[in-house]
Amino acid sequence: MTDPGYIDVGGVRLRDWNLKDNGTVTMTGVLENSLNVGAVRAEQAEGSEAFLHYLDAFGIGRQSGVDVSGEVAQKLRGSWRPSELATASYGQGVAVNVVQMVAAINVIANQGRWVQPHVVARVGDAPTSVPPQRQVVSQQTAATVTRMMESVAEHGSGALARVQGFERNEAGKTGTSQIVEGGSYSPDHVWSSYVGFLPADNPRFTMLVTVRQPNNGSSDHNEGYYVAGPIWKRIAEQIVQDWRITPNGG
């Protein structure tokens, strides 16, 4: 697809973060470089009905059912303007809690199946019962997206989250979203995030790191790439050591 750096939808001009003509890009390149225009074009190609179906199927806008009290979910709206669908394609205009987000990413890690999350895996020697599952996308689709997320970590914005020894076997994605303040998006304050699973070919864990309103002393370095990615890496390195995880999934 061609990405000139901006796209007009419903009378609204949406731009890529880098404010430049990115030329011809693949969908892998869209993920590697977090290009909004590419995400919007993918949503438009999919169509609004299918797009909203998959938001719901991935658990966006519904409670995850995790076994703790007080979970809140913002339901998906009943009607959407074209510009709202467009911004939702890259994460603006929809709200999730961290459990819902991890459960959505786990669809890819679990070969296309959504699995209800639990707080613990076992109590003593007794494992919890197998949680409810549903097939959201095919195994082939999940494998394709996994390879794209591997490319994010190996070649794209996830470079600062790469764990030594897993450079070609880590799946991840950075995130930077504006914070809503006073009913509109703040031009200065953001959520910075990195989510990933490892090893990519046989996941042992999925982890999401979020940082609210980070401040690295520069407005140009508060993105998920600079802030959340390195934090994810340090925690993942400790998990790999403690759980004795090897690059082949052992």
C-alpha atoms as a PDB file:
ATOM      1  CA  MET A   1       0.000   0.000   0.000  1.00  0.00           C
ATOM      2  CA  THR A   2       1.018   3.630  -0.433  1.00  0.00           C
ATOM      3  CA  ASP A   3       1.361   5.755   2.692  1.00  0.00           C
ATOM      4  CA  PRO A   4       1.842   9.484   2.021  1.00  0.00           C
ATOM      5  CA  GLY A   5       1.870  10.154   5.766  1.00  0.00           C
ATOM      6  CA  TYR A   6      -1.753  11.226   6.067  1.00  0.00           C
ATOM      7  CA  ILE A   7      -5.263  10.109   5.168  1.00  0.00           C
ATOM      8  CA  ASP A   8      -8.564  12.011   5.086  1.00  0.00           C
ATOM      9  CA  VAL A   9     -11.546  10.194   6.601  1.00  0.00           C
ATOM     10  CA  GLY A  10     -14.973  11.748   7.118  1.00  0.00           C
ATOM     11  CA  GLY A  11     -13.613  15.272   6.899  1.00  0.00           C
ATOM     12  CA  VAL A  12     -10.811  14.576   9.373  1.00  0.00           C
ATOM     13  CA  ARG A  13      -7.131  14.396   8.417  1.00  0.00           C
ATOM     14  CA  LEU A  14      -5.242  11.667  10.276  1.00  0.00           C
ATOM     15  CA  ARG A  15      -1.454  11.529  10.230  1.00  0.00           C
ATOM     16  CA  ASP A  16       1.414   9.166  10.939  1.00  0.00           C
ATOM     17  CA  TRP A  17       3.499   9.959  13.986  1.00  0.00           C
ATOM     18  CA  ASN A  18       6.576  10.735  11.870  1.00  0.00           C
ATOM     19  CA  LEU A  19       4.756  13.311   9.707  1.00  0.00           C
ATOM     20  CA  LYS A  20       6.437  12.167   6.498  1.00  0.00           C
ATOM     21  CA  ASP A  21       5.713  10.374   3.235  1.00  0.00           C
ATOM     22  CA  ASN A  22       6.459   6.713   3.973  1.00  0.00           C
ATOM     23  CA  GLY A  23       6.007   5.560   0.383  1.00  0.00           C
ATOM     24  CA  THR A  24       5.070   1.964  -0.339  1.00  0.00           C
ATOM     25  CA  VAL A  25       4.782  -0.144   2.817  1.00  0.00           C
ATOM     26  CA  THR A  26       3.704  -3.682   3.688  1.00  0.00           C
ATOM     27  CA  MET A  27       1.456  -4.536   6.630  1.00  0.00           C
ATOM     28  CA  THR A  28       4.542  -5.863   8.406  1.00  0.00           C
ATOM     29  CA  GLY A  29       6.115  -2.459   7.860  1.00  0.00           C
ATOM     30  CA  VAL A  30       2.982  -0.827   9.258  1.00  0.00           C
ATOM     31  CA  LEU A  31       3.421  -2.786  12.502  1.00  0.00           C
ATOM     32  CA  GLU A  32       7.195  -2.337  12.605  1.00  0.00           C
ATOM     33  CA  ASN A  33       6.884   1.436  12.382  1.00  0.00           C
ATOM     34  CA  SER A  34       3.455   2.016  13.998  1.00  0.00           C
ATOM     35  CA  LEU A  35       1.997   3.731  10.946  1.00  0.00           C
ATOM     36  CA  ASN A  36      -1.529   5.025  11.534  1.00  0.00           C
ATOM     37  CA  VAL A  37      -2.333   5.398   7.836  1.00  0.00           C
ATOM     38  CA  GLY A  38      -1.608   1.733   7.181  1.00  0.00           C
ATOM     39  CA  ALA A  39      -3.848   0.694  10.070  1.00  0.00           C
ATOM     40  CA  VAL A  40      -6.675   2.856   8.722  1.00  0.00           C
ATOM     41  CA  ARG A  41      -6.320   1.387   5.236  1.00  0.00           C
ATOM     42  CA  ALA A  42      -6.492  -2.124   6.719  1.00  0.00           C
ATOM     43  CA  GLU A  43      -9.704  -1.226   8.593  1.00  0.00           C
ATOM     44  CA  GLN A  44     -11.228   0.230   5.437  1.00  0.00           C
ATOM     45  CA  ALA A  45     -10.318  -2.866   3.421  1.00  0.00           C
ATOM     46  CA  GLU A  46     -11.860  -5.095   6.094  1.00  0.00           C
ATOM     47  CA  GLY A  47     -15.096  -3.095   6.285  1.00  0.00           C
ATOM     48  CA  SER A  48     -16.827  -1.688   9.350  1.00  0.00           C
ATOM     49  CA  GLU A  49     -18.999  -4.734  10.057  1.00  0.00           C
ATOM     50  CA  ALA A  50     -16.088  -7.175  10.087  1.00  0.00           C
ATOM     51  CA  PHE A  51     -13.867  -4.718  11.975  1.00  0.00           C
ATOM     52  CA  LEU A  52     -16.385  -4.317  14.804  1.00  0.00           C
ATOM     53  CA  HIS A  53     -17.003  -8.073  14.861  1.00  0.00           C
ATOM     54  CA  TYR A  54     -13.328  -8.741  15.486  1.00  0.00           C
ATOM     55  CA  LEU A  55     -13.022  -6.036  18.128  1.00  0.00           C
ATOM     56  CA  ASP A  56     -15.757  -7.866  20.032  1.00  0.00           C
ATOM     57  CA  ALA A  57     -14.309 -11.317  19.320  1.00  0.00           C
ATOM     58  CA  PHE A  58     -10.924 -10.268  20.716  1.00  0.00           C
ATOM     59  CA  GLY A  59     -12.682  -9.108  23.890  1.00  0.00           C
ATOM     60  CA  ILE A  60     -12.519  -5.366  23.284  1.00  0.00           C
ATOM     61  CA  GLY A  61     -15.533  -3.753  24.942  1.00  0.00           C
ATOM     62  CA  ARG A  62     -16.470  -6.691  27.168  1.00  0.00           C
ATOM     63  CA  GLN A  63     -15.352  -7.909  30.563  1.00  0.00           C
ATOM     64  CA  SER A  64     -12.737 -10.668  30.477  1.00  0.00           C
ATOM     65  CA  GLY A  65     -14.369 -12.595  33.336  1.00  0.00           C
ATOM     66  CA  VAL A  66     -11.112 -12.714  35.302  1.00  0.00           C
ATOM     67  CA  ASP A  67     -11.763 -13.979  38.817  1.00  0.00           C
ATOM     68  CA  VAL A  68     -11.336 -10.721  40.735  1.00  0.00           C
ATOM     69  CA  SER A  69     -14.004  -8.235  41.695  1.00  0.00           C
ATOM     70  CA  GLY A  70     -14.444  -4.769  40.271  1.00  0.00           C
ATOM     71  CA  GLU A  71     -13.519  -5.341  36.634  1.00  0.00           C
ATOM     72  CA  VAL A  72     -14.825  -2.569  34.413  1.00  0.00           C
ATOM     73  CA  ALA A  73     -15.205  -2.607  30.644  1.00  0.00           C
ATOM     74  CA  GLN A  74     -16.237   0.211  28.354  1.00  0.00           C
ATOM     75  CA  LYS A  75     -18.760  -1.208  25.904  1.00  0.00           C
ATOM     76  CA  LEU A  76     -18.325  -0.595  22.215  1.00  0.00           C
ATOM     77  CA  ARG A  77     -20.595   2.142  20.934  1.00  0.00           C
ATOM     78  CA  GLY A  78     -23.676   1.312  18.884  1.00  0.00           C
ATOM     79  CA  SER A  79     -22.886   3.720  16.063  1.00  0.00           C
ATOM     80  CA  TRP A  80     -19.560   4.887  14.664  1.00  0.00           C
ATOM     81  CA  ARG A  81     -18.578   7.712  12.372  1.00  0.00           C
ATOM     82  CA  PRO A  82     -16.032   6.816   9.661  1.00  0.00           C
ATOM     83  CA  SER A  83     -13.359   8.868  11.442  1.00  0.00           C
ATOM     84  CA  GLU A  84     -14.023   6.999  14.709  1.00  0.00           C
ATOM     85  CA  LEU A  85     -13.627   3.638  12.994  1.00  0.00           C
ATOM     86  CA  ALA A  86     -10.404   4.910  11.469  1.00  0.00           C
ATOM     87  CA  THR A  87      -8.848   6.039  14.753  1.00  0.00           C
ATOM     88  CA  ALA A  88      -9.991   2.835  16.480  1.00  0.00           C
ATOM     89  CA  SER A  89      -7.852   0.892  13.990  1.00  0.00           C
ATOM     90  CA  TYR A  90      -4.748   2.198  15.753  1.00  0.00           C
ATOM     91  CA  GLY A  91      -6.178   2.220  19.274  1.00  0.00           C
ATOM     92  CA  GLN A  92      -7.645   5.674  19.793  1.00  0.00           C
ATOM     93  CA  GLY A  93     -11.293   5.868  20.850  1.00  0.00           C
ATOM     94  CA  VAL A  94     -11.549   2.441  22.495  1.00  0.00           C
ATOM     95  CA  ALA A  95     -10.721   1.624  26.102  1.00  0.00           C
ATOM     96  CA  VAL A  96      -9.516  -1.625  27.681  1.00  0.00           C
ATOM     97  CA  ASN A  97      -8.006  -2.613  30.971  1.00  0.00           C
ATOM     98  CA  VAL A  98      -4.667  -4.417  31.032  1.00  0.00           C
ATOM     99  CA  VAL A  99      -6.214  -7.870  31.525  1.00  0.00           C
ATOM    100  CA  GLN A 100      -8.457  -7.421  28.484  1.00  0.00           C
ATOM    101  CA  MET A 101      -5.480  -6.249  26.425  1.00  0.00           C
ATOM    102  CA  VAL A 102      -3.311  -9.212  27.409  1.00  0.00           C
ATOM    103  CA  ALA A 103      -6.203 -11.602  26.719  1.00  0.00           C
ATOM    104  CA  ALA A 104      -6.527 -10.075  23.242  1.00  0.00           C
ATOM    105  CA  ILE A 105      -2.800 -10.482  22.519  1.00  0.00           C
ATOM    106  CA  ASN A 106      -2.992 -14.037  23.818  1.00  0.00           C
ATOM    107  CA  VAL A 107      -5.350 -14.850  20.943  1.00  0.00           C
ATOM    108  CA  ILE A 108      -2.274 -14.629  18.724  1.00  0.00           C
ATOM    109  CA  ALA A 109      -0.030 -16.488  21.188  1.00  0.00           C
ATOM    110  CA  ASN A 110      -2.683 -19.239  21.615  1.00  0.00           C
ATOM    111  CA  GLN A 111      -2.986 -20.107  17.900  1.00  0.00           C
ATOM    112  CA  GLY A 112      -6.059 -17.956  17.386  1.00  0.00           C
ATOM    113  CA  ARG A 113      -7.996 -18.930  20.533  1.00  0.00           C
ATOM    114  CA  TRP A 114      -9.312 -16.486  23.126  1.00  0.00           C
ATOM    115  CA  VAL A 115      -8.837 -17.998  26.595  1.00  0.00           C
ATOM    116  CA  GLN A 116     -10.481 -16.563  29.696  1.00  0.00           C
ATOM    117  CA  PRO A 117      -7.733 -15.305  32.017  1.00  0.00           C
ATOM    118  CA  HIS A 118      -7.357 -16.332  35.660  1.00  0.00           C
ATOM    119  CA  VAL A 119      -5.374 -14.696  38.422  1.00  0.00           C
ATOM    120  CA  VAL A 120      -3.462 -17.870  39.304  1.00  0.00           C
ATOM    121  CA  ALA A 121      -2.587 -21.044  37.408  1.00  0.00           C
ATOM    122  CA  ARG A 122      -2.835 -23.379  40.408  1.00  0.00           C
ATOM    123  CA  VAL A 123      -3.418 -23.541  44.142  1.00  0.00           C
ATOM    124  CA  GLY A 124      -0.884 -25.881  45.714  1.00  0.00           C
ATOM    125  CA  ASP A 125      -0.702 -28.965  43.506  1.00  0.00           C
ATOM    126  CA  ALA A 126      -4.192 -28.508  42.076  1.00  0.00           C
ATOM    127  CA  PRO A 127      -4.363 -26.721  38.694  1.00  0.00           C
ATOM    128  CA  THR A 128      -7.341 -24.541  37.928  1.00  0.00           C
ATOM    129  CA  SER A 129      -9.940 -25.958  35.568  1.00  0.00           C
ATOM    130  CA  VAL A 130      -9.424 -25.393  31.844  1.00  0.00           C
ATOM    131  CA  PRO A 131     -10.866 -21.924  31.161  1.00  0.00           C
ATOM    132  CA  PRO A 132     -13.421 -21.290  28.430  1.00  0.00           C
ATOM    133  CA  GLN A 133     -11.974 -20.837  24.941  1.00  0.00           C
ATOM    134  CA  ARG A 134     -13.257 -19.661  21.589  1.00  0.00           C
ATOM    135  CA  GLN A 135     -11.598 -19.681  18.189  1.00  0.00           C
ATOM    136  CA  VAL A 136     -11.321 -16.047  17.075  1.00  0.00           C
ATOM    137  CA  VAL A 137      -9.041 -16.355  14.040  1.00  0.00           C
ATOM    138  CA  SER A 138      -7.494 -19.336  12.295  1.00  0.00           C
ATOM    139  CA  GLN A 139      -4.200 -20.855  13.372  1.00  0.00           C
ATOM    140  CA  GLN A 140      -2.741 -19.697  10.060  1.00  0.00           C
ATOM    141  CA  THR A 141      -3.796 -16.097  10.713  1.00  0.00           C
ATOM    142  CA  ALA A 142      -2.369 -16.202  14.239  1.00  0.00           C
ATOM    143  CA  ALA A 143       0.913 -17.589  12.877  1.00  0.00           C
ATOM    144  CA  THR A 144       1.084 -14.815  10.278  1.00  0.00           C
ATOM    145  CA  VAL A 145       0.529 -12.098  12.875  1.00  0.00           C
ATOM    146  CA  THR A 146       3.119 -13.751  15.140  1.00  0.00           C
ATOM    147  CA  ARG A 147       5.710 -13.490  12.364  1.00  0.00           C
ATOM    148  CA  MET A 148       4.790  -9.841  11.883  1.00  0.00           C
ATOM    149  CA  MET A 149       5.210  -9.194  15.617  1.00  0.00           C
ATOM    150  CA  GLU A 150       8.566 -11.000  15.524  1.00  0.00           C
ATOM    151  CA  SER A 151       9.626  -8.551  12.845  1.00  0.00           C
ATOM    152  CA  VAL A 152       8.604  -5.656  15.114  1.00  0.00           C
ATOM    153  CA  ALA A 153      11.020  -6.922  17.768  1.00  0.00           C
ATOM    154  CA  GLU A 154      13.781  -7.846  15.323  1.00  0.00           C
ATOM    155  CA  HIS A 155      13.658  -4.938  12.876  1.00  0.00           C
ATOM    156  CA  GLY A 156      11.159  -2.341  14.095  1.00  0.00           C
ATOM    157  CA  SER A 157      10.046  -0.300  17.065  1.00  0.00           C
ATOM    158  CA  GLY A 158      10.525  -3.196  19.498  1.00  0.00           C
ATOM    159  CA  ALA A 159      14.317  -3.160  19.161  1.00  0.00           C
ATOM    160  CA  LEU A 160      14.881  -1.869  22.700  1.00  0.00           C
ATOM    161  CA  ALA A 161      12.815  -4.751  24.102  1.00  0.00           C
ATOM    162  CA  ARG A 162      14.857  -7.528  22.471  1.00  0.00           C
ATOM    163  CA  VAL A 163      16.017 -10.181  24.920  1.00  0.00           C
ATOM    164  CA  GLN A 164      19.477 -11.593  24.262  1.00  0.00           C
ATOM    165  CA  GLY A 165      19.275 -15.021  22.657  1.00  0.00           C
ATOM    166  CA  PHE A 166      15.677 -14.447  21.533  1.00  0.00           C
ATOM    167  CA  GLU A 167      16.333 -11.797  18.891  1.00  0.00           C
ATOM    168  CA  ARG A 168      14.522 -13.897  16.285  1.00  0.00           C
ATOM    169  CA  ASN A 169      12.063 -15.551  18.635  1.00  0.00           C
ATOM    170  CA  GLU A 170      10.301 -12.704  20.407  1.00  0.00           C
ATOM    171  CA  ALA A 171       6.940 -11.252  19.364  1.00  0.00           C
ATOM    172  CA  GLY A 172       6.000  -7.758  20.450  1.00  0.00           C
ATOM    173  CA  LYS A 173       4.390  -4.422  19.723  1.00  0.00           C
ATOM    174  CA  THR A 174       4.978  -0.923  21.036  1.00  0.00           C
ATOM    175  CA  GLY A 175       2.137   1.453  21.819  1.00  0.00           C
ATOM    176  CA  THR A 176       1.785   5.186  22.370  1.00  0.00           C
ATOM    177  CA  SER A 177      -1.670   6.662  22.913  1.00  0.00           C
ATOM    178  CA  GLN A 178      -2.815  10.121  23.930  1.00  0.00           C
ATOM    179  CA  ILE A 179      -4.510  10.479  27.317  1.00  0.00           C
ATOM    180  CA  VAL A 180      -8.034  11.886  27.441  1.00  0.00           C
ATOM    181  CA  GLU A 181      -8.148  15.061  29.524  1.00  0.00           C
ATOM    182  CA  GLY A 182     -11.240  17.236  29.811  1.00  0.00           C
ATOM    183  CA  GLY A 183     -13.084  15.331  27.104  1.00  0.00           C
ATOM    184  CA  SER A 184     -10.356  15.602  24.450  1.00  0.00           C
ATOM    185  CA  TYR A 185      -6.983  14.048  23.705  1.00  0.00           C
ATOM    186  CA  SER A 186      -4.016  15.705  25.362  1.00  0.00           C
ATOM    187  CA  PRO A 187      -1.355  16.949  22.919  1.00  0.00           C
ATOM    188  CA  ASP A 188       1.383  16.291  25.486  1.00  0.00           C
ATOM    189  CA  HIS A 189       0.407  13.419  27.808  1.00  0.00           C
ATOM    190  CA  VAL A 190       0.473   9.789  26.658  1.00  0.00           C
ATOM    191  CA  TRP A 191       0.331   6.167  27.696  1.00  0.00           C
ATOM    192  CA  SER A 192       3.512   4.343  26.711  1.00  0.00           C
ATOM    193  CA  SER A 193       3.329   0.556  26.361  1.00  0.00           C
ATOM    194  CA  TYR A 194       5.006  -2.593  25.121  1.00  0.00           C
ATOM    195  CA  VAL A 195       3.327  -5.988  24.913  1.00  0.00           C
ATOM    196  CA  GLY A 196       4.907  -9.237  23.818  1.00  0.00           C
ATOM    197  CA  PHE A 197       5.198 -12.967  24.247  1.00  0.00           C
ATOM    198  CA  LEU A 198       8.245 -15.191  24.361  1.00  0.00           C
ATOM    199  CA  PRO A 199       9.415 -17.491  22.871  1.00  0.00           C
ATOM    200  CA  ALA A 200       7.334 -16.535  19.842  1.00  0.00           C
ATOM    201  CA  ASP A 201       7.228 -20.079  18.459  1.00  0.00           C
ATOM    202  CA  ASN A 202       6.163 -21.681  21.771  1.00  0.00           C
ATOM    203  CA  PRO A 203       5.086 -18.946  24.219  1.00  0.00           C
ATOM    204  CA  ARG A 204       5.794 -19.374  27.922  1.00  0.00           C
ATOM    205  CA  PHE A 205       4.527 -15.958  28.987  1.00  0.00           C
ATOM    206  CA  THR A 206       2.832 -12.811  27.734  1.00  0.00           C
ATOM    207  CA  MET A 207       3.555  -9.495  29.392  1.00  0.00           C
ATOM    208  CA  LEU A 208       2.230  -5.957  29.021  1.00  0.00           C
ATOM    209  CA  VAL A 209       4.100  -2.968  30.431  1.00  0.00           C
ATOM    210  CA  THR A 210       2.320   0.399  30.547  1.00  0.00           C
ATOM    211  CA  VAL A 211       3.627   3.723  31.758  1.00  0.00           C
ATOM    212  CA  ARG A 212       1.232   6.622  32.269  1.00  0.00           C
ATOM    213  CA  GLN A 213       2.483  10.064  31.347  1.00  0.00           C
ATOM    214  CA  PRO A 214       6.189   9.191  31.069  1.00  0.00           C
ATOM    215  CA  ASN A 215       8.722  11.996  31.083  1.00  0.00           C
ATOM    216  CA  ASN A 216      12.165  11.350  29.689  1.00  0.00           C
ATOM    217  CA  GLY A 217      12.966  15.033  29.587  1.00  0.00           C
ATOM    218  CA  SER A 218      11.985  15.284  25.930  1.00  0.00           C
ATOM    219  CA  SER A 219       8.613  15.205  24.200  1.00  0.00           C
ATOM    220  CA  ASP A 220      10.267  13.211  21.416  1.00  0.00           C
ATOM    221  CA  HIS A 221      11.253  10.255  23.624  1.00  0.00           C
ATOM    222  CA  ASN A 222       8.146   9.298  25.588  1.00  0.00           C
ATOM    223  CA  GLU A 223       6.901   6.605  23.202  1.00  0.00           C
ATOM    224  CA  GLY A 224       6.569   2.902  23.956  1.00  0.00           C
ATOM    225  CA  TYR A 225       9.802   2.354  22.045  1.00  0.00           C
ATOM    226  CA  TYR A 226      11.882   4.413  24.444  1.00  0.00           C
ATOM    227  CA  VAL A 227      10.029   3.949  27.732  1.00  0.00           C
ATOM    228  CA  ALA A 228       8.077   0.698  28.051  1.00  0.00           C
ATOM    229  CA  GLY A 229      10.260  -1.460  25.780  1.00  0.00           C
ATOM    230  CA  PRO A 230      13.395  -1.371  27.973  1.00  0.00           C
ATOM    231  CA  ILE A 231      11.310  -2.053  31.105  1.00  0.00           C
ATOM    232  CA  TRP A 232       9.732  -5.072  29.394  1.00  0.00           C
ATOM    233  CA  LYS A 233      13.180  -6.325  28.438  1.00  0.00           C
ATOM    234  CA  ARG A 234      14.562  -6.167  31.989  1.00  0.00           C
ATOM    235  CA  ILE A 235      11.587  -8.031  33.467  1.00  0.00           C
ATOM    236  CA  ALA A 236      11.588 -10.599  30.636  1.00  0.00           C
ATOM    237  CA  GLU A 237      15.299 -11.289  31.144  1.00  0.00           C
ATOM    238  CA  GLN A 238      14.608 -12.120  34.788  1.00  0.00           C
ATOM    239  CA  ILE A 239      11.671 -14.387  33.857  1.00  0.00           C
ATOM    240  CA  VAL A 240      13.824 -16.203  31.295  1.00  0.00           C
ATOM    241  CA  GLN A 241      16.472 -16.796  33.937  1.00  0.00           C
ATOM    242  CA  ASP A 242      14.080 -17.837  36.724  1.00  0.00           C
ATOM    243  CA  TRP A 243      11.992 -20.129  34.505  1.00  0.00           C
ATOM    244  CA  ARG A 244      15.023 -21.414  32.572  1.00  0.00           C
ATOM    245  CA  ILE A 245      13.429 -20.624  29.220  1.00  0.00           C
ATOM    246  CA  THR A 246      15.504 -21.371  26.131  1.00  0.00           C
ATOM    247  CA  PRO A 247      15.090 -19.840  22.652  1.00  0.00           C
ATOM    248  CA  ASN A 248      13.597 -23.064  21.303  1.00  0.00           C
ATOM    249  CA  GLY A 249      10.714 -22.783  23.760  1.00  0.00           C
ATOM    250  CA  GLY A 250      12.104 -25.077  26.427  1.00  0.00           C
END
